[in-house]
């Protein structure tokens, strides 16, 4: 039997509150991280991703106290990212209850950290977040951005995805900045380009707005997991609804 496709809610956290924006801007408060984590666990989320979205920009550590509260209260895989710069940061986050860590800016600025973390904690623990924007300035047309979507790097997304896999990353969290928060559907071209060239799981992020968006990115862009925030946070569609829809369409998902 093929592996289950995962449905993953994302908590973008700023100053201890869950927030959501559009194309990495226009940030609005949507709730308490622990309350939302428990809600998503109960709805059947396969995993939970927590991103401290201003930690890197503000050059500070991840808000560990909030991570610890969530880690103590949920029993599904828990990934934490934002502001991670060192092995010490990773150690502290994992000790606080996270199962995996996600890095973006630190990996771009020091790619060796990927292999170092994979050697210490195992590839399954290392998720590389890739924030991509269609700029037509690279061979693939998509460029890697760092510092929460504020810094264009000139790096080609496809080349970077191949490199992080070679360095030992266990998974890629691929976010389309252009689609983020728009509810216009995932960037299928971007995601399919990466899944066709990567031999590690790819989590598709950015743009979920209706049930069929999840189906299309799993079936036609071959994503291993779907991540969404806005539609879950605003109770437009529940995780259970997504899973039932996917199951009925023949996608192998784990029903609660």
C-alpha atoms as a PDB file:
ATOM      1  CA  UNK A   1       0.000   0.000   0.000  1.00  0.00           C
ATOM      2  CA  UNK A   2       1.254   3.467  -0.843  1.00  0.00           C
ATOM      3  CA  UNK A   3       2.136   5.911   1.872  1.00  0.00           C
ATOM      4  CA  UNK A   4      -0.572   8.135   3.256  1.00  0.00           C
ATOM      5  CA  UNK A   5      -0.821  11.660   1.903  1.00  0.00           C
ATOM      6  CA  UNK A   6      -0.730  14.105   4.808  1.00  0.00           C
ATOM      7  CA  UNK A   7      -2.911  17.109   5.608  1.00  0.00           C
ATOM      8  CA  UNK A   8      -1.012  19.642   7.690  1.00  0.00           C
ATOM      9  CA  UNK A   9      -2.242  22.898   9.248  1.00  0.00           C
ATOM     10  CA  UNK A  10       0.329  25.632   9.772  1.00  0.00           C
ATOM     11  CA  UNK A  11       0.514  28.049  12.679  1.00  0.00           C
ATOM     12  CA  UNK A  12       2.334  31.230  11.660  1.00  0.00           C
ATOM     13  CA  UNK A  13       3.156  32.809  14.993  1.00  0.00           C
ATOM     14  CA  UNK A  14       4.134  36.407  15.794  1.00  0.00           C
ATOM     15  CA  UNK A  15       4.581  37.700  19.346  1.00  0.00           C
ATOM     16  CA  UNK A  16       2.921  34.607  20.774  1.00  0.00           C
ATOM     17  CA  UNK A  17      -0.224  34.757  18.614  1.00  0.00           C
ATOM     18  CA  UNK A  18      -1.235  32.893  15.462  1.00  0.00           C
ATOM     19  CA  UNK A  19      -1.412  35.303  12.521  1.00  0.00           C
ATOM     20  CA  UNK A  20      -2.111  35.050   8.816  1.00  0.00           C
ATOM     21  CA  UNK A  21      -1.353  37.302   5.910  1.00  0.00           C
ATOM     22  CA  UNK A  22      -1.317  37.409   2.141  1.00  0.00           C
ATOM     23  CA  UNK A  23       1.852  37.045   0.063  1.00  0.00           C
ATOM     24  CA  UNK A  24       3.848  37.316   3.312  1.00  0.00           C
ATOM     25  CA  UNK A  25       2.271  40.686   4.198  1.00  0.00           C
ATOM     26  CA  UNK A  26      -0.967  42.195   5.604  1.00  0.00           C
ATOM     27  CA  UNK A  27      -0.622  40.192   8.819  1.00  0.00           C
ATOM     28  CA  UNK A  28      -3.728  39.706  10.994  1.00  0.00           C
ATOM     29  CA  UNK A  29      -4.264  38.052  14.375  1.00  0.00           C
ATOM     30  CA  UNK A  30      -6.323  34.853  14.227  1.00  0.00           C
ATOM     31  CA  UNK A  31      -5.948  33.134  17.586  1.00  0.00           C
ATOM     32  CA  UNK A  32      -4.110  31.398  20.404  1.00  0.00           C
ATOM     33  CA  UNK A  33      -1.471  28.845  19.318  1.00  0.00           C
ATOM     34  CA  UNK A  34      -2.257  26.173  21.917  1.00  0.00           C
ATOM     35  CA  UNK A  35      -6.025  26.364  21.405  1.00  0.00           C
ATOM     36  CA  UNK A  36      -5.606  26.065  17.651  1.00  0.00           C
ATOM     37  CA  UNK A  37      -3.076  23.239  17.938  1.00  0.00           C
ATOM     38  CA  UNK A  38      -5.508  21.233  20.071  1.00  0.00           C
ATOM     39  CA  UNK A  39      -8.361  21.946  17.691  1.00  0.00           C
ATOM     40  CA  UNK A  40      -6.389  20.713  14.694  1.00  0.00           C
ATOM     41  CA  UNK A  41      -5.187  17.631  16.543  1.00  0.00           C
ATOM     42  CA  UNK A  42      -8.811  16.771  17.354  1.00  0.00           C
ATOM     43  CA  UNK A  43      -9.878  17.344  13.726  1.00  0.00           C
ATOM     44  CA  UNK A  44      -7.428  14.715  12.511  1.00  0.00           C
ATOM     45  CA  UNK A  45      -4.389  16.687  11.381  1.00  0.00           C
ATOM     46  CA  UNK A  46      -1.538  14.368  10.431  1.00  0.00           C
ATOM     47  CA  UNK A  47       1.085  16.822  11.624  1.00  0.00           C
ATOM     48  CA  UNK A  48       1.395  20.392  12.835  1.00  0.00           C
ATOM     49  CA  UNK A  49       3.871  22.999  11.606  1.00  0.00           C
ATOM     50  CA  UNK A  50       4.700  26.011  13.785  1.00  0.00           C
ATOM     51  CA  UNK A  51       6.598  28.901  12.177  1.00  0.00           C
ATOM     52  CA  UNK A  52       7.783  31.861  14.229  1.00  0.00           C
ATOM     53  CA  UNK A  53       7.553  34.170  11.235  1.00  0.00           C
ATOM     54  CA  UNK A  54       9.348  37.214  12.628  1.00  0.00           C
ATOM     55  CA  UNK A  55      12.168  35.523  14.547  1.00  0.00           C
ATOM     56  CA  UNK A  56      14.658  35.609  11.680  1.00  0.00           C
ATOM     57  CA  UNK A  57      13.788  39.140  10.571  1.00  0.00           C
ATOM     58  CA  UNK A  58      14.025  40.386  14.174  1.00  0.00           C
ATOM     59  CA  UNK A  59      17.164  38.273  14.665  1.00  0.00           C
ATOM     60  CA  UNK A  60      15.912  36.618  17.829  1.00  0.00           C
ATOM     61  CA  UNK A  61      15.343  33.079  19.084  1.00  0.00           C
ATOM     62  CA  UNK A  62      12.135  31.128  18.520  1.00  0.00           C
ATOM     63  CA  UNK A  63       9.519  31.609  21.254  1.00  0.00           C
ATOM     64  CA  UNK A  64      10.328  28.445  23.141  1.00  0.00           C
ATOM     65  CA  UNK A  65       7.675  28.805  25.849  1.00  0.00           C
ATOM     66  CA  UNK A  66       4.897  28.578  23.261  1.00  0.00           C
ATOM     67  CA  UNK A  67       6.608  25.630  21.548  1.00  0.00           C
ATOM     68  CA  UNK A  68       6.858  23.844  24.890  1.00  0.00           C
ATOM     69  CA  UNK A  69       3.170  24.340  25.691  1.00  0.00           C
ATOM     70  CA  UNK A  70       2.126  22.854  22.371  1.00  0.00           C
ATOM     71  CA  UNK A  71       4.662  20.025  22.548  1.00  0.00           C
ATOM     72  CA  UNK A  72       3.335  18.986  25.944  1.00  0.00           C
ATOM     73  CA  UNK A  73      -0.254  18.834  24.732  1.00  0.00           C
ATOM     74  CA  UNK A  74      -0.317  17.247  21.290  1.00  0.00           C
ATOM     75  CA  UNK A  75       0.541  13.726  20.174  1.00  0.00           C
ATOM     76  CA  UNK A  76       1.049  14.234  16.437  1.00  0.00           C
ATOM     77  CA  UNK A  77       4.347  15.038  14.692  1.00  0.00           C
ATOM     78  CA  UNK A  78       5.301  18.640  15.393  1.00  0.00           C
ATOM     79  CA  UNK A  79       7.667  20.732  13.245  1.00  0.00           C
ATOM     80  CA  UNK A  80       9.037  24.081  14.426  1.00  0.00           C
ATOM     81  CA  UNK A  81      10.790  26.760  12.373  1.00  0.00           C
ATOM     82  CA  UNK A  82      11.757  30.411  12.567  1.00  0.00           C
ATOM     83  CA  UNK A  83      14.907  31.985  13.923  1.00  0.00           C
ATOM     84  CA  UNK A  84      16.909  28.762  13.996  1.00  0.00           C
ATOM     85  CA  UNK A  85      20.579  29.520  13.409  1.00  0.00           C
ATOM     86  CA  UNK A  86      22.613  26.919  15.273  1.00  0.00           C
ATOM     87  CA  UNK A  87      22.816  23.392  16.631  1.00  0.00           C
ATOM     88  CA  UNK A  88      22.103  24.855  20.065  1.00  0.00           C
ATOM     89  CA  UNK A  89      18.841  26.361  18.788  1.00  0.00           C
ATOM     90  CA  UNK A  90      17.821  23.008  17.315  1.00  0.00           C
ATOM     91  CA  UNK A  91      18.682  21.151  20.510  1.00  0.00           C
ATOM     92  CA  UNK A  92      16.581  23.540  22.570  1.00  0.00           C
ATOM     93  CA  UNK A  93      13.583  23.280  20.238  1.00  0.00           C
ATOM     94  CA  UNK A  94      13.682  19.479  20.138  1.00  0.00           C
ATOM     95  CA  UNK A  95      13.990  19.341  23.924  1.00  0.00           C
ATOM     96  CA  UNK A  96      10.901  21.557  24.110  1.00  0.00           C
ATOM     97  CA  UNK A  97       8.769  18.955  22.331  1.00  0.00           C
ATOM     98  CA  UNK A  98       9.287  19.380  18.602  1.00  0.00           C
ATOM     99  CA  UNK A  99       9.853  16.281  16.451  1.00  0.00           C
ATOM    100  CA  UNK A 100      11.353  18.123  13.484  1.00  0.00           C
ATOM    101  CA  UNK A 101      12.873  21.506  12.768  1.00  0.00           C
ATOM    102  CA  UNK A 102      12.432  23.682   9.702  1.00  0.00           C
ATOM    103  CA  UNK A 103      15.100  26.058   8.452  1.00  0.00           C
ATOM    104  CA  UNK A 104      15.270  28.404   5.495  1.00  0.00           C
ATOM    105  CA  UNK A 105      17.502  31.467   5.873  1.00  0.00           C
ATOM    106  CA  UNK A 106      20.122  29.663   7.985  1.00  0.00           C
ATOM    107  CA  UNK A 107      20.376  26.892   5.376  1.00  0.00           C
ATOM    108  CA  UNK A 108      20.804  29.329   2.489  1.00  0.00           C
ATOM    109  CA  UNK A 109      23.457  31.305   4.354  1.00  0.00           C
ATOM    110  CA  UNK A 110      25.266  28.206   5.645  1.00  0.00           C
ATOM    111  CA  UNK A 111      24.322  25.090   3.631  1.00  0.00           C
ATOM    112  CA  UNK A 112      26.682  22.923   5.712  1.00  0.00           C
ATOM    113  CA  UNK A 113      24.263  23.214   8.624  1.00  0.00           C
ATOM    114  CA  UNK A 114      21.935  20.846   6.749  1.00  0.00           C
ATOM    115  CA  UNK A 115      24.411  17.967   6.690  1.00  0.00           C
ATOM    116  CA  UNK A 116      25.554  18.747  10.235  1.00  0.00           C
ATOM    117  CA  UNK A 117      21.991  18.539  11.579  1.00  0.00           C
ATOM    118  CA  UNK A 118      21.240  15.427   9.506  1.00  0.00           C
ATOM    119  CA  UNK A 119      24.339  13.728  10.946  1.00  0.00           C
ATOM    120  CA  UNK A 120      23.399  14.606  14.517  1.00  0.00           C
ATOM    121  CA  UNK A 121      19.616  14.172  14.516  1.00  0.00           C
ATOM    122  CA  UNK A 122      18.890  12.177  11.352  1.00  0.00           C
ATOM    123  CA  UNK A 123      17.534  13.384   8.023  1.00  0.00           C
ATOM    124  CA  UNK A 124      13.965  12.734   9.154  1.00  0.00           C
ATOM    125  CA  UNK A 125      14.338  15.624  11.597  1.00  0.00           C
ATOM    126  CA  UNK A 126      15.511  18.198   9.047  1.00  0.00           C
ATOM    127  CA  UNK A 127      12.886  20.038   6.994  1.00  0.00           C
ATOM    128  CA  UNK A 128      14.132  22.664   4.566  1.00  0.00           C
ATOM    129  CA  UNK A 129      11.628  25.445   3.977  1.00  0.00           C
ATOM    130  CA  UNK A 130      11.911  26.942   0.512  1.00  0.00           C
ATOM    131  CA  UNK A 131      10.045  30.198  -0.088  1.00  0.00           C
ATOM    132  CA  UNK A 132       9.788  30.636  -3.842  1.00  0.00           C
ATOM    133  CA  UNK A 133       8.722  33.490  -6.051  1.00  0.00           C
ATOM    134  CA  UNK A 134       8.311  33.553  -9.830  1.00  0.00           C
ATOM    135  CA  UNK A 135      10.758  36.254 -10.915  1.00  0.00           C
ATOM    136  CA  UNK A 136      11.969  34.840 -14.258  1.00  0.00           C
ATOM    137  CA  UNK A 137      15.487  35.732 -13.113  1.00  0.00           C
ATOM    138  CA  UNK A 138      16.673  32.116 -12.798  1.00  0.00           C
ATOM    139  CA  UNK A 139      16.802  29.124 -15.140  1.00  0.00           C
ATOM    140  CA  UNK A 140      13.632  27.608 -13.688  1.00  0.00           C
ATOM    141  CA  UNK A 141      11.915  30.996 -13.452  1.00  0.00           C
ATOM    142  CA  UNK A 142      11.575  30.714  -9.681  1.00  0.00           C
ATOM    143  CA  UNK A 143      13.863  32.340  -7.135  1.00  0.00           C
ATOM    144  CA  UNK A 144      14.546  31.449  -3.481  1.00  0.00           C
ATOM    145  CA  UNK A 145      13.699  34.144  -0.922  1.00  0.00           C
ATOM    146  CA  UNK A 146      14.920  34.386   2.674  1.00  0.00           C
ATOM    147  CA  UNK A 147      14.092  36.503   5.734  1.00  0.00           C
ATOM    148  CA  UNK A 148      10.358  35.729   5.604  1.00  0.00           C
ATOM    149  CA  UNK A 149      10.039  36.502   1.910  1.00  0.00           C
ATOM    150  CA  UNK A 150      11.798  39.842   2.113  1.00  0.00           C
ATOM    151  CA  UNK A 151      15.192  38.968   0.599  1.00  0.00           C
ATOM    152  CA  UNK A 152      15.677  37.720  -2.988  1.00  0.00           C
ATOM    153  CA  UNK A 153      18.753  35.509  -3.129  1.00  0.00           C
ATOM    154  CA  UNK A 154      19.271  34.990  -6.847  1.00  0.00           C
ATOM    155  CA  UNK A 155      19.259  31.222  -6.181  1.00  0.00           C
ATOM    156  CA  UNK A 156      17.301  28.980  -8.530  1.00  0.00           C
ATOM    157  CA  UNK A 157      14.616  27.061  -6.652  1.00  0.00           C
ATOM    158  CA  UNK A 158      15.134  23.813  -8.558  1.00  0.00           C
ATOM    159  CA  UNK A 159      18.902  23.822  -8.074  1.00  0.00           C
ATOM    160  CA  UNK A 160      18.478  24.607  -4.386  1.00  0.00           C
ATOM    161  CA  UNK A 161      15.973  21.778  -3.903  1.00  0.00           C
ATOM    162  CA  UNK A 162      18.409  19.308  -5.459  1.00  0.00           C
ATOM    163  CA  UNK A 163      21.233  20.617  -3.285  1.00  0.00           C
ATOM    164  CA  UNK A 164      19.376  20.375   0.028  1.00  0.00           C
ATOM    165  CA  UNK A 165      18.486  16.773  -0.746  1.00  0.00           C
ATOM    166  CA  UNK A 166      22.134  15.936  -1.428  1.00  0.00           C
ATOM    167  CA  UNK A 167      23.140  17.629   1.826  1.00  0.00           C
ATOM    168  CA  UNK A 168      20.832  15.370   3.821  1.00  0.00           C
ATOM    169  CA  UNK A 169      17.488  17.140   4.195  1.00  0.00           C
ATOM    170  CA  UNK A 170      14.640  14.745   4.896  1.00  0.00           C
ATOM    171  CA  UNK A 171      11.819  16.865   3.553  1.00  0.00           C
ATOM    172  CA  UNK A 172      11.072  20.101   1.681  1.00  0.00           C
ATOM    173  CA  UNK A 173       8.402  22.582   2.741  1.00  0.00           C
ATOM    174  CA  UNK A 174       7.758  24.443  -0.512  1.00  0.00           C
ATOM    175  CA  UNK A 175       5.821  27.705  -0.283  1.00  0.00           C
ATOM    176  CA  UNK A 176       4.758  29.864  -3.206  1.00  0.00           C
ATOM    177  CA  UNK A 177       5.023  33.481  -2.070  1.00  0.00           C
ATOM    178  CA  UNK A 178       2.856  34.510  -5.029  1.00  0.00           C
ATOM    179  CA  UNK A 179       0.043  32.199  -3.921  1.00  0.00           C
ATOM    180  CA  UNK A 180       0.369  32.578  -0.135  1.00  0.00           C
ATOM    181  CA  UNK A 181      -2.956  33.520   1.452  1.00  0.00           C
ATOM    182  CA  UNK A 182      -4.651  34.135  -1.912  1.00  0.00           C
ATOM    183  CA  UNK A 183      -6.909  31.026  -1.855  1.00  0.00           C
ATOM    184  CA  UNK A 184      -6.379  30.827  -5.633  1.00  0.00           C
ATOM    185  CA  UNK A 185      -4.975  27.302  -5.573  1.00  0.00           C
ATOM    186  CA  UNK A 186      -1.450  25.955  -5.273  1.00  0.00           C
ATOM    187  CA  UNK A 187       1.241  26.782  -7.831  1.00  0.00           C
ATOM    188  CA  UNK A 188       1.058  23.405  -9.565  1.00  0.00           C
ATOM    189  CA  UNK A 189       3.885  24.155 -11.996  1.00  0.00           C
ATOM    190  CA  UNK A 190       6.282  25.035  -9.181  1.00  0.00           C
ATOM    191  CA  UNK A 191       5.373  22.037  -7.079  1.00  0.00           C
ATOM    192  CA  UNK A 192       5.423  19.539  -9.931  1.00  0.00           C
ATOM    193  CA  UNK A 193       8.852  20.812 -11.002  1.00  0.00           C
ATOM    194  CA  UNK A 194      10.248  20.081  -7.540  1.00  0.00           C
ATOM    195  CA  UNK A 195       8.483  16.751  -6.952  1.00  0.00           C
ATOM    196  CA  UNK A 196       9.666  15.519 -10.370  1.00  0.00           C
ATOM    197  CA  UNK A 197      13.277  16.200  -9.411  1.00  0.00           C
ATOM    198  CA  UNK A 198      13.380  15.424  -5.679  1.00  0.00           C
ATOM    199  CA  UNK A 199      13.546  12.028  -4.025  1.00  0.00           C
ATOM    200  CA  UNK A 200      12.459  13.324  -0.633  1.00  0.00           C
ATOM    201  CA  UNK A 201       8.906  14.262   0.429  1.00  0.00           C
ATOM    202  CA  UNK A 202       7.593  17.668  -0.632  1.00  0.00           C
ATOM    203  CA  UNK A 203       4.985  19.552   1.403  1.00  0.00           C
ATOM    204  CA  UNK A 204       2.990  21.913  -0.829  1.00  0.00           C
ATOM    205  CA  UNK A 205       2.162  25.296   0.696  1.00  0.00           C
ATOM    206  CA  UNK A 206       0.530  28.504  -0.441  1.00  0.00           C
ATOM    207  CA  UNK A 207      -2.853  29.054  -2.058  1.00  0.00           C
ATOM    208  CA  UNK A 208      -5.351  26.474  -0.762  1.00  0.00           C
ATOM    209  CA  UNK A 209      -8.860  27.874  -1.142  1.00  0.00           C
ATOM    210  CA  UNK A 210     -11.222  25.026  -1.980  1.00  0.00           C
ATOM    211  CA  UNK A 211     -11.365  21.263  -1.631  1.00  0.00           C
ATOM    212  CA  UNK A 212     -10.314  20.552  -5.195  1.00  0.00           C
ATOM    213  CA  UNK A 213      -7.077  22.513  -4.693  1.00  0.00           C
ATOM    214  CA  UNK A 214      -5.873  19.809  -2.303  1.00  0.00           C
ATOM    215  CA  UNK A 215      -6.771  17.056  -4.753  1.00  0.00           C
ATOM    216  CA  UNK A 216      -5.039  18.726  -7.700  1.00  0.00           C
ATOM    217  CA  UNK A 217      -1.731  19.264  -5.917  1.00  0.00           C
ATOM    218  CA  UNK A 218      -1.639  15.709  -4.596  1.00  0.00           C
ATOM    219  CA  UNK A 219      -2.839  13.977  -7.748  1.00  0.00           C
ATOM    220  CA  UNK A 220      -1.361  16.106 -10.523  1.00  0.00           C
ATOM    221  CA  UNK A 221       1.652  17.762  -8.880  1.00  0.00           C
ATOM    222  CA  UNK A 222       2.564  14.665  -6.833  1.00  0.00           C
ATOM    223  CA  UNK A 223       2.991  16.454  -3.510  1.00  0.00           C
ATOM    224  CA  UNK A 224       3.461  14.179  -0.507  1.00  0.00           C
ATOM    225  CA  UNK A 225       1.571  16.483   1.836  1.00  0.00           C
ATOM    226  CA  UNK A 226      -0.639  19.559   1.684  1.00  0.00           C
ATOM    227  CA  UNK A 227      -0.284  22.482   4.047  1.00  0.00           C
ATOM    228  CA  UNK A 228      -2.878  25.187   4.592  1.00  0.00           C
ATOM    229  CA  UNK A 229      -3.592  27.930   7.075  1.00  0.00           C
ATOM    230  CA  UNK A 230      -6.196  30.547   6.116  1.00  0.00           C
ATOM    231  CA  UNK A 231      -9.067  28.238   5.245  1.00  0.00           C
ATOM    232  CA  UNK A 232      -8.554  26.213   8.423  1.00  0.00           C
ATOM    233  CA  UNK A 233      -8.067  29.231  10.686  1.00  0.00           C
ATOM    234  CA  UNK A 234     -11.221  30.943   9.451  1.00  0.00           C
ATOM    235  CA  UNK A 235     -13.263  27.694   9.614  1.00  0.00           C
ATOM    236  CA  UNK A 236     -14.029  27.793   5.902  1.00  0.00           C
ATOM    237  CA  UNK A 237     -13.078  24.136   5.465  1.00  0.00           C
ATOM    238  CA  UNK A 238     -12.156  21.651   8.192  1.00  0.00           C
ATOM    239  CA  UNK A 239      -9.326  19.152   8.087  1.00  0.00           C
ATOM    240  CA  UNK A 240     -11.878  16.334   8.297  1.00  0.00           C
ATOM    241  CA  UNK A 241     -13.742  17.714   5.280  1.00  0.00           C
ATOM    242  CA  UNK A 242     -10.490  17.791   3.302  1.00  0.00           C
ATOM    243  CA  UNK A 243      -9.669  14.216   4.233  1.00  0.00           C
ATOM    244  CA  UNK A 244     -13.128  12.881   3.417  1.00  0.00           C
ATOM    245  CA  UNK A 245     -13.073  14.652   0.058  1.00  0.00           C
ATOM    246  CA  UNK A 246      -9.645  13.286  -0.793  1.00  0.00           C
ATOM    247  CA  UNK A 247     -10.624   9.778   0.299  1.00  0.00           C
ATOM    248  CA  UNK A 248     -13.703   9.876  -1.931  1.00  0.00           C
ATOM    249  CA  UNK A 249     -11.489  10.995  -4.832  1.00  0.00           C
ATOM    250  CA  UNK A 250      -9.202   7.996  -4.342  1.00  0.00           C
ATOM    251  CA  UNK A 251      -6.351   9.671  -2.478  1.00  0.00           C
ATOM    252  CA  UNK A 252      -4.824   7.534   0.263  1.00  0.00           C
ATOM    253  CA  UNK A 253      -5.340   9.558   3.446  1.00  0.00           C
ATOM    254  CA  UNK A 254      -5.590   8.578   7.083  1.00  0.00           C
ATOM    255  CA  UNK A 255      -9.132   9.149   8.337  1.00  0.00           C
ATOM    256  CA  UNK A 256      -9.639   9.835  12.074  1.00  0.00           C
END
